[in-house]
Amino acid sequence: LLLSGDLIQAKSTVDTARKNHPQSVELALLKVDVLIQSGDGDKALEVSSGLEKQLPNRPEVPYLQGKVQAMRMQVEEATALFGKALQKDPNFYPAMLAEAKMFEDARQPALALDKIEAAVRWADGASVSPKIKGEILLAKARLLTAQQQTRAGLTALDEALAVVPSNNEIQTLRGVMRLEQGMYQQGRADLMAVFERTGGYPGMTAALGRLLARLSVA
């Protein structure tokens, strides 16, 4: 529900689940995430503060609190909280990505790229799963593309797909970017591969439709 953007239903679902499982810390953490994505930072901080004593060693608590501060563009406070999360667990990569995204949103692209590159180096040295490395490279590609570094962004997507060849999100983005760069056959190959795997994937259908229309006219 969160991934689909249905925040109202997500909030209702997690509230019901918490009533049925009031001792579940995972549901409590998910509740904080739902509140953040709903823009309710005050309530998110209230709930997360209640978890600090209960979960003293979990990185998710300062990480989520950092996301609230990042949402408010309180960069110093957020940086400290993301750092606290990584002190609790140096391998908690979501804090790395969240910090990079915060600097991007704060219009500090050089710092954002530094953080992403540090995450890539960590992934190379930590023998992480292909899924995690692909996620980090995808974040790098999005950042580079937002900074108009399209060629470097495509290179990052190539690297990501070499790690996770069947990742629909990564291949869809590469297909769309290839189309935008006039690489029609390569873009078509990416989008058709995703279509054949999934029968349709968010963000892909419209781009594929435009491509097919163009090719039919040509």
C-alpha atoms as a PDB file:
ATOM      1  CA  LEU A   1       0.000   0.000   0.000  1.00  0.00           C
ATOM      2  CA  LEU A   2       2.856   2.381   0.775  1.00  0.00           C
ATOM      3  CA  LEU A   3       4.592   1.586  -2.493  1.00  0.00           C
ATOM      4  CA  SER A   4       1.377   2.196  -4.416  1.00  0.00           C
ATOM      5  CA  GLY A   5       0.866   5.541  -2.657  1.00  0.00           C
ATOM      6  CA  ASP A   6      -2.366   4.517  -0.925  1.00  0.00           C
ATOM      7  CA  LEU A   7      -1.479   6.219   2.359  1.00  0.00           C
ATOM      8  CA  ILE A   8      -5.014   6.300   3.762  1.00  0.00           C
ATOM      9  CA  GLN A   9      -5.460   2.564   3.382  1.00  0.00           C
ATOM     10  CA  ALA A  10      -1.913   1.922   4.594  1.00  0.00           C
ATOM     11  CA  LYS A  11      -2.581   3.893   7.771  1.00  0.00           C
ATOM     12  CA  SER A  12      -5.862   2.075   8.372  1.00  0.00           C
ATOM     13  CA  THR A  13      -4.249  -1.313   7.792  1.00  0.00           C
ATOM     14  CA  VAL A  14      -1.314  -0.737  10.113  1.00  0.00           C
ATOM     15  CA  ASP A  15      -3.588   0.669  12.829  1.00  0.00           C
ATOM     16  CA  THR A  16      -5.777  -2.435  12.656  1.00  0.00           C
ATOM     17  CA  ALA A  17      -2.731  -4.700  12.736  1.00  0.00           C
ATOM     18  CA  ARG A  18      -1.355  -2.893  15.796  1.00  0.00           C
ATOM     19  CA  LYS A  19      -4.632  -3.356  17.636  1.00  0.00           C
ATOM     20  CA  ASN A  20      -4.393  -7.092  16.966  1.00  0.00           C
ATOM     21  CA  HIS A  21      -0.664  -7.253  17.781  1.00  0.00           C
ATOM     22  CA  PRO A  22       0.046  -4.442  20.264  1.00  0.00           C
ATOM     23  CA  GLN A  23       3.449  -5.846  21.267  1.00  0.00           C
ATOM     24  CA  SER A  24       4.851  -5.961  17.750  1.00  0.00           C
ATOM     25  CA  VAL A  25       7.788  -3.566  17.449  1.00  0.00           C
ATOM     26  CA  GLU A  26       7.914  -4.108  13.687  1.00  0.00           C
ATOM     27  CA  LEU A  27       4.376  -2.788  13.361  1.00  0.00           C
ATOM     28  CA  ALA A  28       5.250   0.162  15.579  1.00  0.00           C
ATOM     29  CA  LEU A  29       8.198   1.007  13.318  1.00  0.00           C
ATOM     30  CA  LEU A  30       5.991   0.623  10.266  1.00  0.00           C
ATOM     31  CA  LYS A  31       3.481   2.975  11.857  1.00  0.00           C
ATOM     32  CA  VAL A  32       6.194   5.627  12.146  1.00  0.00           C
ATOM     33  CA  ASP A  33       7.111   5.161   8.485  1.00  0.00           C
ATOM     34  CA  VAL A  34       3.468   5.528   7.437  1.00  0.00           C
ATOM     35  CA  LEU A  35       3.176   8.730   9.468  1.00  0.00           C
ATOM     36  CA  ILE A  36       6.317  10.139   7.844  1.00  0.00           C
ATOM     37  CA  GLN A  37       5.114   9.375   4.351  1.00  0.00           C
ATOM     38  CA  SER A  38       1.781  10.934   5.263  1.00  0.00           C
ATOM     39  CA  GLY A  39       3.593  14.129   6.299  1.00  0.00           C
ATOM     40  CA  ASP A  40       2.720  13.841   9.995  1.00  0.00           C
ATOM     41  CA  GLY A  41       6.192  14.446  11.423  1.00  0.00           C
ATOM     42  CA  ASP A  42       5.035  15.437  14.901  1.00  0.00           C
ATOM     43  CA  LYS A  43       3.117  12.210  15.412  1.00  0.00           C
ATOM     44  CA  ALA A  44       5.965  10.185  13.913  1.00  0.00           C
ATOM     45  CA  LEU A  45       8.395  11.667  16.426  1.00  0.00           C
ATOM     46  CA  GLU A  46       5.945  11.033  19.261  1.00  0.00           C
ATOM     47  CA  VAL A  47       5.580   7.354  18.370  1.00  0.00           C
ATOM     48  CA  SER A  48       9.300   6.867  17.710  1.00  0.00           C
ATOM     49  CA  SER A  49      10.248   8.519  21.004  1.00  0.00           C
ATOM     50  CA  GLY A  50       8.188   5.895  22.777  1.00  0.00           C
ATOM     51  CA  LEU A  51      10.287   3.209  21.108  1.00  0.00           C
ATOM     52  CA  GLU A  52      13.711   4.542  22.103  1.00  0.00           C
ATOM     53  CA  LYS A  53      13.881   2.779  25.469  1.00  0.00           C
ATOM     54  CA  GLN A  54      12.205  -0.326  24.104  1.00  0.00           C
ATOM     55  CA  LEU A  55      14.627  -0.615  21.165  1.00  0.00           C
ATOM     56  CA  PRO A  56      17.915   0.922  22.358  1.00  0.00           C
ATOM     57  CA  ASN A  57      20.057  -0.974  19.853  1.00  0.00           C
ATOM     58  CA  ARG A  58      17.856  -0.799  16.769  1.00  0.00           C
ATOM     59  CA  PRO A  59      19.014   1.632  14.038  1.00  0.00           C
ATOM     60  CA  GLU A  60      15.489   2.113  12.711  1.00  0.00           C
ATOM     61  CA  VAL A  61      14.468   4.501  15.499  1.00  0.00           C
ATOM     62  CA  PRO A  62      17.079   7.234  14.878  1.00  0.00           C
ATOM     63  CA  TYR A  63      16.812   6.551  11.141  1.00  0.00           C
ATOM     64  CA  LEU A  64      13.094   7.284  11.121  1.00  0.00           C
ATOM     65  CA  GLN A  65      13.588  10.324  13.337  1.00  0.00           C
ATOM     66  CA  GLY A  66      16.227  11.476  10.877  1.00  0.00           C
ATOM     67  CA  LYS A  67      13.758  11.123   8.020  1.00  0.00           C
ATOM     68  CA  VAL A  68      11.388  13.466   9.852  1.00  0.00           C
ATOM     69  CA  GLN A  69      14.132  16.064  10.253  1.00  0.00           C
ATOM     70  CA  ALA A  70      15.191  15.597   6.631  1.00  0.00           C
ATOM     71  CA  MET A  71      11.596  16.160   5.556  1.00  0.00           C
ATOM     72  CA  ARG A  72      11.714  19.433   7.487  1.00  0.00           C
ATOM     73  CA  MET A  73      15.087  20.363   5.935  1.00  0.00           C
ATOM     74  CA  GLN A  74      16.728  20.319   9.363  1.00  0.00           C
ATOM     75  CA  VAL A  75      19.958  19.077   7.813  1.00  0.00           C
ATOM     76  CA  GLU A  76      22.232  19.116  10.863  1.00  0.00           C
ATOM     77  CA  GLU A  77      19.715  17.330  13.060  1.00  0.00           C
ATOM     78  CA  ALA A  78      18.983  14.741  10.382  1.00  0.00           C
ATOM     79  CA  THR A  79      22.678  14.137   9.697  1.00  0.00           C
ATOM     80  CA  ALA A  80      23.287  13.480  13.382  1.00  0.00           C
ATOM     81  CA  LEU A  81      20.388  11.029  13.564  1.00  0.00           C
ATOM     82  CA  PHE A  82      21.447   9.144  10.433  1.00  0.00           C
ATOM     83  CA  GLY A  83      24.929   8.964  11.933  1.00  0.00           C
ATOM     84  CA  LYS A  84      23.454   7.589  15.155  1.00  0.00           C
ATOM     85  CA  ALA A  85      21.640   4.889  13.172  1.00  0.00           C
ATOM     86  CA  LEU A  86      24.904   3.871  11.503  1.00  0.00           C
ATOM     87  CA  GLN A  87      26.670   3.794  14.853  1.00  0.00           C
ATOM     88  CA  LYS A  88      24.135   1.253  16.017  1.00  0.00           C
ATOM     89  CA  ASP A  89      24.529  -0.743  12.803  1.00  0.00           C
ATOM     90  CA  PRO A  90      27.279   0.253  10.324  1.00  0.00           C
ATOM     91  CA  ASN A  91      25.561  -1.880   7.667  1.00  0.00           C
ATOM     92  CA  PHE A  92      22.206  -0.109   7.905  1.00  0.00           C
ATOM     93  CA  TYR A  93      22.351   1.221   4.351  1.00  0.00           C
ATOM     94  CA  PRO A  94      18.886   2.892   4.288  1.00  0.00           C
ATOM     95  CA  ALA A  95      20.414   5.633   6.458  1.00  0.00           C
ATOM     96  CA  MET A  96      23.122   6.140   3.832  1.00  0.00           C
ATOM     97  CA  LEU A  97      20.564   6.501   1.049  1.00  0.00           C
ATOM     98  CA  ALA A  98      18.297   8.747   3.108  1.00  0.00           C
ATOM     99  CA  GLU A  99      21.172  11.086   3.900  1.00  0.00           C
ATOM    100  CA  ALA A 100      22.144  11.314   0.238  1.00  0.00           C
ATOM    101  CA  LYS A 101      18.544  12.048  -0.739  1.00  0.00           C
ATOM    102  CA  MET A 102      18.350  14.751   1.922  1.00  0.00           C
ATOM    103  CA  PHE A 103      21.396  16.545   0.514  1.00  0.00           C
ATOM    104  CA  GLU A 104      19.923  16.280  -2.969  1.00  0.00           C
ATOM    105  CA  ASP A 105      16.654  17.823  -1.762  1.00  0.00           C
ATOM    106  CA  ALA A 106      18.680  20.513   0.043  1.00  0.00           C
ATOM    107  CA  ARG A 107      20.330  21.383  -3.294  1.00  0.00           C
ATOM    108  CA  GLN A 108      23.718  20.150  -2.249  1.00  0.00           C
ATOM    109  CA  PRO A 109      24.366  17.711  -5.121  1.00  0.00           C
ATOM    110  CA  ALA A 110      28.096  17.355  -4.493  1.00  0.00           C
ATOM    111  CA  LEU A 111      27.478  16.173  -0.923  1.00  0.00           C
ATOM    112  CA  ALA A 112      24.667  13.908  -2.103  1.00  0.00           C
ATOM    113  CA  LEU A 113      26.942  12.267  -4.660  1.00  0.00           C
ATOM    114  CA  ASP A 114      29.703  11.873  -2.069  1.00  0.00           C
ATOM    115  CA  LYS A 115      27.271  10.000   0.183  1.00  0.00           C
ATOM    116  CA  ILE A 116      26.100   7.760  -2.655  1.00  0.00           C
ATOM    117  CA  GLU A 117      29.664   6.984  -3.716  1.00  0.00           C
ATOM    118  CA  ALA A 118      30.483   6.113  -0.105  1.00  0.00           C
ATOM    119  CA  ALA A 119      27.502   3.739  -0.073  1.00  0.00           C
ATOM    120  CA  VAL A 120      28.730   2.114  -3.306  1.00  0.00           C
ATOM    121  CA  ARG A 121      32.197   1.629  -1.815  1.00  0.00           C
ATOM    122  CA  TRP A 122      30.632   0.150   1.322  1.00  0.00           C
ATOM    123  CA  ALA A 123      28.580  -2.270  -0.790  1.00  0.00           C
ATOM    124  CA  ASP A 124      31.665  -3.329  -2.746  1.00  0.00           C
ATOM    125  CA  GLY A 125      33.602  -4.004   0.430  1.00  0.00           C
ATOM    126  CA  ALA A 126      30.863  -5.558   2.540  1.00  0.00           C
ATOM    127  CA  SER A 127      29.855  -8.400   0.209  1.00  0.00           C
ATOM    128  CA  VAL A 128      26.215  -7.349   0.396  1.00  0.00           C
ATOM    129  CA  SER A 129      23.403  -9.079  -1.452  1.00  0.00           C
ATOM    130  CA  PRO A 130      22.847  -8.241  -5.133  1.00  0.00           C
ATOM    131  CA  LYS A 131      19.484  -6.718  -4.213  1.00  0.00           C
ATOM    132  CA  ILE A 132      21.073  -4.174  -1.860  1.00  0.00           C
ATOM    133  CA  LYS A 133      23.857  -3.260  -4.266  1.00  0.00           C
ATOM    134  CA  GLY A 134      21.322  -2.847  -7.057  1.00  0.00           C
ATOM    135  CA  GLU A 135      19.231  -0.565  -4.865  1.00  0.00           C
ATOM    136  CA  ILE A 136      22.243   1.633  -4.100  1.00  0.00           C
ATOM    137  CA  LEU A 137      23.251   1.845  -7.767  1.00  0.00           C
ATOM    138  CA  LEU A 138      19.673   2.741  -8.676  1.00  0.00           C
ATOM    139  CA  ALA A 139      19.785   5.604  -6.174  1.00  0.00           C
ATOM    140  CA  LYS A 140      23.080   6.722  -7.725  1.00  0.00           C
ATOM    141  CA  ALA A 141      21.556   6.641 -11.204  1.00  0.00           C
ATOM    142  CA  ARG A 142      18.556   8.708 -10.118  1.00  0.00           C
ATOM    143  CA  LEU A 143      20.817  11.296  -8.491  1.00  0.00           C
ATOM    144  CA  LEU A 144      23.088  11.582 -11.520  1.00  0.00           C
ATOM    145  CA  THR A 145      20.113  11.863 -13.869  1.00  0.00           C
ATOM    146  CA  ALA A 146      18.562  14.597 -11.737  1.00  0.00           C
ATOM    147  CA  GLN A 147      21.854  16.491 -12.082  1.00  0.00           C
ATOM    148  CA  GLN A 148      21.695  16.157 -15.889  1.00  0.00           C
ATOM    149  CA  GLN A 149      24.520  13.625 -15.895  1.00  0.00           C
ATOM    150  CA  THR A 150      22.591  11.269 -18.132  1.00  0.00           C
ATOM    151  CA  ARG A 151      25.481   9.246 -19.490  1.00  0.00           C
ATOM    152  CA  ALA A 152      26.818   8.575 -15.991  1.00  0.00           C
ATOM    153  CA  GLY A 153      23.283   7.716 -14.873  1.00  0.00           C
ATOM    154  CA  LEU A 154      22.941   5.155 -17.655  1.00  0.00           C
ATOM    155  CA  THR A 155      26.308   3.678 -16.703  1.00  0.00           C
ATOM    156  CA  ALA A 156      25.090   3.259 -13.126  1.00  0.00           C
ATOM    157  CA  LEU A 157      21.968   1.508 -14.416  1.00  0.00           C
ATOM    158  CA  ASP A 158      24.111  -0.788 -16.555  1.00  0.00           C
ATOM    159  CA  GLU A 159      26.116  -1.665 -13.452  1.00  0.00           C
ATOM    160  CA  ALA A 160      22.932  -2.235 -11.460  1.00  0.00           C
ATOM    161  CA  LEU A 161      21.459  -4.572 -14.069  1.00  0.00           C
ATOM    162  CA  ALA A 162      24.714  -6.499 -14.209  1.00  0.00           C
ATOM    163  CA  VAL A 163      24.150  -7.205 -10.510  1.00  0.00           C
ATOM    164  CA  VAL A 164      20.366  -7.797 -10.606  1.00  0.00           C
ATOM    165  CA  PRO A 165      19.497  -8.573 -14.251  1.00  0.00           C
ATOM    166  CA  SER A 166      15.761  -9.035 -13.710  1.00  0.00           C
ATOM    167  CA  ASN A 167      15.026  -5.960 -11.592  1.00  0.00           C
ATOM    168  CA  ASN A 168      11.935  -4.413 -13.162  1.00  0.00           C
ATOM    169  CA  GLU A 169      12.368  -0.943 -11.684  1.00  0.00           C
ATOM    170  CA  ILE A 170      15.965  -0.604 -12.847  1.00  0.00           C
ATOM    171  CA  GLN A 171      15.346  -1.957 -16.334  1.00  0.00           C
ATOM    172  CA  THR A 172      12.249   0.188 -16.788  1.00  0.00           C
ATOM    173  CA  LEU A 173      14.167   3.314 -15.853  1.00  0.00           C
ATOM    174  CA  ARG A 174      16.988   2.408 -18.227  1.00  0.00           C
ATOM    175  CA  GLY A 175      14.501   1.784 -21.012  1.00  0.00           C
ATOM    176  CA  VAL A 176      12.816   5.140 -20.485  1.00  0.00           C
ATOM    177  CA  MET A 177      16.154   6.955 -20.315  1.00  0.00           C
ATOM    178  CA  ARG A 178      17.372   5.247 -23.466  1.00  0.00           C
ATOM    179  CA  LEU A 179      14.240   6.363 -25.290  1.00  0.00           C
ATOM    180  CA  GLU A 180      14.772   9.931 -24.116  1.00  0.00           C
ATOM    181  CA  GLN A 181      18.313   9.785 -25.501  1.00  0.00           C
ATOM    182  CA  GLY A 182      17.140   8.556 -28.913  1.00  0.00           C
ATOM    183  CA  MET A 183      18.333   4.979 -28.297  1.00  0.00           C
ATOM    184  CA  TYR A 184      15.041   3.557 -29.533  1.00  0.00           C
ATOM    185  CA  GLN A 185      15.975  -0.060 -30.186  1.00  0.00           C
ATOM    186  CA  GLN A 186      17.831  -0.417 -26.901  1.00  0.00           C
ATOM    187  CA  GLY A 187      15.013   1.280 -25.011  1.00  0.00           C
ATOM    188  CA  ARG A 188      12.455  -0.932 -26.683  1.00  0.00           C
ATOM    189  CA  ALA A 189      14.472  -4.026 -25.742  1.00  0.00           C
ATOM    190  CA  ASP A 190      14.488  -3.001 -22.080  1.00  0.00           C
ATOM    191  CA  LEU A 191      10.784  -2.186 -21.921  1.00  0.00           C
ATOM    192  CA  MET A 192       9.752  -5.311 -23.819  1.00  0.00           C
ATOM    193  CA  ALA A 193      11.850  -7.452 -21.475  1.00  0.00           C
ATOM    194  CA  VAL A 194      10.004  -5.992 -18.489  1.00  0.00           C
ATOM    195  CA  PHE A 195       6.651  -6.364 -20.238  1.00  0.00           C
ATOM    196  CA  GLU A 196       7.335 -10.018 -21.033  1.00  0.00           C
ATOM    197  CA  ARG A 197       8.241 -10.688 -17.388  1.00  0.00           C
ATOM    198  CA  THR A 198       5.367  -8.799 -15.806  1.00  0.00           C
ATOM    199  CA  GLY A 199       2.638  -8.155 -18.361  1.00  0.00           C
ATOM    200  CA  GLY A 200       2.872  -4.484 -17.406  1.00  0.00           C
ATOM    201  CA  TYR A 201       4.807  -2.448 -14.887  1.00  0.00           C
ATOM    202  CA  PRO A 202       4.272   1.085 -13.479  1.00  0.00           C
ATOM    203  CA  GLY A 203       6.136   3.710 -15.478  1.00  0.00           C
ATOM    204  CA  MET A 204       6.731   1.431 -18.434  1.00  0.00           C
ATOM    205  CA  THR A 205       3.443   1.212 -20.289  1.00  0.00           C
ATOM    206  CA  ALA A 206       3.196   4.834 -21.417  1.00  0.00           C
ATOM    207  CA  ALA A 207       6.797   4.921 -22.604  1.00  0.00           C
ATOM    208  CA  LEU A 208       6.411   1.675 -24.511  1.00  0.00           C
ATOM    209  CA  GLY A 209       3.215   2.964 -26.098  1.00  0.00           C
ATOM    210  CA  ARG A 210       4.980   6.111 -27.314  1.00  0.00           C
ATOM    211  CA  LEU A 211       7.805   4.030 -28.716  1.00  0.00           C
ATOM    212  CA  LEU A 212       5.510   1.670 -30.594  1.00  0.00           C
ATOM    213  CA  ALA A 213       3.563   4.607 -31.978  1.00  0.00           C
ATOM    214  CA  ARG A 214       6.791   6.192 -33.194  1.00  0.00           C
ATOM    215  CA  LEU A 215       7.993   3.006 -34.823  1.00  0.00           C
ATOM    216  CA  SER A 216       4.646   2.445 -36.537  1.00  0.00           C
ATOM    217  CA  VAL A 217       4.765   5.948 -38.016  1.00  0.00           C
ATOM    218  CA  ALA A 218       8.342   5.409 -39.146  1.00  0.00           C
END
